[in-house]
Amino acid sequence: MTESEICGSYRRAKNQTEQIKILTELTCKSRLEIIAILVKNGEELPKRTIDGLYKRMDALESEIKEREREYREIAKALNGKKE
């Protein structure tokens, strides 16, 4: 399926959020790959989809901060340094 076919299918869908899921199954691409194709080709995403992505990014940022803190603590311990 070409990018223009993906975009056309998405544009014609009554439920565009659901269509993203369908397109992942039809193309064997990830949800984020489909979203990237849609954005690259100027398609407007549902607000709910955009909000969900930003919420996930916020959660990942928190996880990354915690992992970095843990990493620094382990590095200090391996170097014999106190906290």
Protein backbone atom coordinates (compact mmCIF):
# COMPACT_ATOMS: atom_id res chain seq x y z
CA MET A 1 0.00 0.00 0.00
CA THR A 2 1.47 3.36 -1.02
CA GLU A 3 1.49 6.47 1.14
CA SER A 4 -1.16 8.08 -1.06
CA GLU A 5 -3.36 4.98 -0.68
CA ILE A 6 -2.89 5.09 3.08
CA CYS A 7 -3.82 8.78 3.18
CA GLY A 8 -6.81 8.30 0.89
CA SER A 9 -8.12 5.43 2.98
CA TYR A 10 -7.67 7.49 6.13
CA ARG A 11 -9.31 10.57 4.62
CA ARG A 12 -12.39 8.62 3.45
CA ALA A 13 -12.89 6.83 6.78
CA LYS A 14 -15.85 7.79 8.93
CA ASN A 15 -13.89 6.92 12.08
CA GLN A 16 -10.32 8.05 11.45
CA THR A 17 -9.06 6.90 14.84
CA GLU A 18 -10.24 3.38 14.09
CA GLN A 19 -8.88 3.63 10.56
CA ILE A 20 -5.36 4.09 11.89
CA LYS A 21 -5.70 0.70 13.61
CA ILE A 22 -7.05 -0.87 10.43
CA LEU A 23 -4.21 0.58 8.38
CA THR A 24 -1.64 -0.94 10.75
CA GLU A 25 -3.16 -4.36 10.10
CA LEU A 26 -3.41 -3.89 6.34
CA THR A 27 0.13 -2.59 5.90
CA CYS A 28 2.03 -4.43 8.68
CA LYS A 29 3.32 -1.02 9.80
CA SER A 30 3.28 0.22 13.37
CA ARG A 31 0.77 2.77 14.56
CA LEU A 32 3.51 5.37 14.76
CA GLU A 33 4.66 4.62 11.22
CA ILE A 34 1.11 5.19 9.95
CA ILE A 35 0.82 8.41 11.95
CA ALA A 36 4.17 9.61 10.55
CA ILE A 37 2.97 8.95 7.00
CA LEU A 38 -0.26 10.84 7.63
CA VAL A 39 1.51 13.83 9.17
CA LYS A 40 4.17 13.89 6.44
CA ASN A 41 1.41 14.04 3.84
CA GLY A 42 -0.49 16.84 5.57
CA GLU A 43 -3.37 14.83 6.98
CA GLU A 44 -5.02 16.20 10.11
CA LEU A 45 -5.02 13.77 13.02
CA PRO A 46 -7.87 13.50 15.52
CA LYS A 47 -7.26 15.64 18.61
CA ARG A 48 -7.65 12.54 20.76
CA THR A 49 -4.79 10.83 18.92
CA ILE A 50 -2.50 13.84 19.26
CA ASP A 51 -3.35 14.27 22.95
CA GLY A 52 -2.66 10.59 23.56
CA LEU A 53 0.76 10.83 21.94
CA TYR A 54 1.72 13.84 24.04
CA LYS A 55 0.49 12.09 27.19
CA ARG A 56 2.63 9.05 26.34
CA MET A 57 5.65 11.28 25.71
CA ASP A 58 5.18 12.85 29.15
CA ALA A 59 5.05 9.40 30.76
CA LEU A 60 8.18 8.31 28.90
CA GLU A 61 10.00 11.47 29.97
CA SER A 62 9.25 10.69 33.62
CA GLU A 63 10.45 7.11 33.18
CA ILE A 64 13.64 8.30 31.48
CA LYS A 65 14.40 10.72 34.34
CA GLU A 66 13.98 7.93 36.89
CA ARG A 67 16.17 5.56 34.88
CA GLU A 68 18.88 8.22 34.53
CA ARG A 69 18.84 8.78 38.30
CA GLU A 70 19.17 5.04 38.89
CA TYR A 71 21.98 4.83 36.32
CA ARG A 72 23.94 7.59 38.06
CA GLU A 73 23.49 5.87 41.43
CA ILE A 74 24.78 2.57 40.04
CA ALA A 75 27.74 4.32 38.40
CA LYS A 76 28.60 6.02 41.71
CA ALA A 77 28.36 2.74 43.59
CA LEU A 78 30.62 0.97 41.08
CA ASN A 79 33.14 3.78 41.45
CA GLY A 80 33.03 3.56 45.25
CA LYS A 81 31.48 6.99 45.65
CA LYS A 82 28.95 7.89 48.28
CA GLU A 83 25.76 9.65 47.36
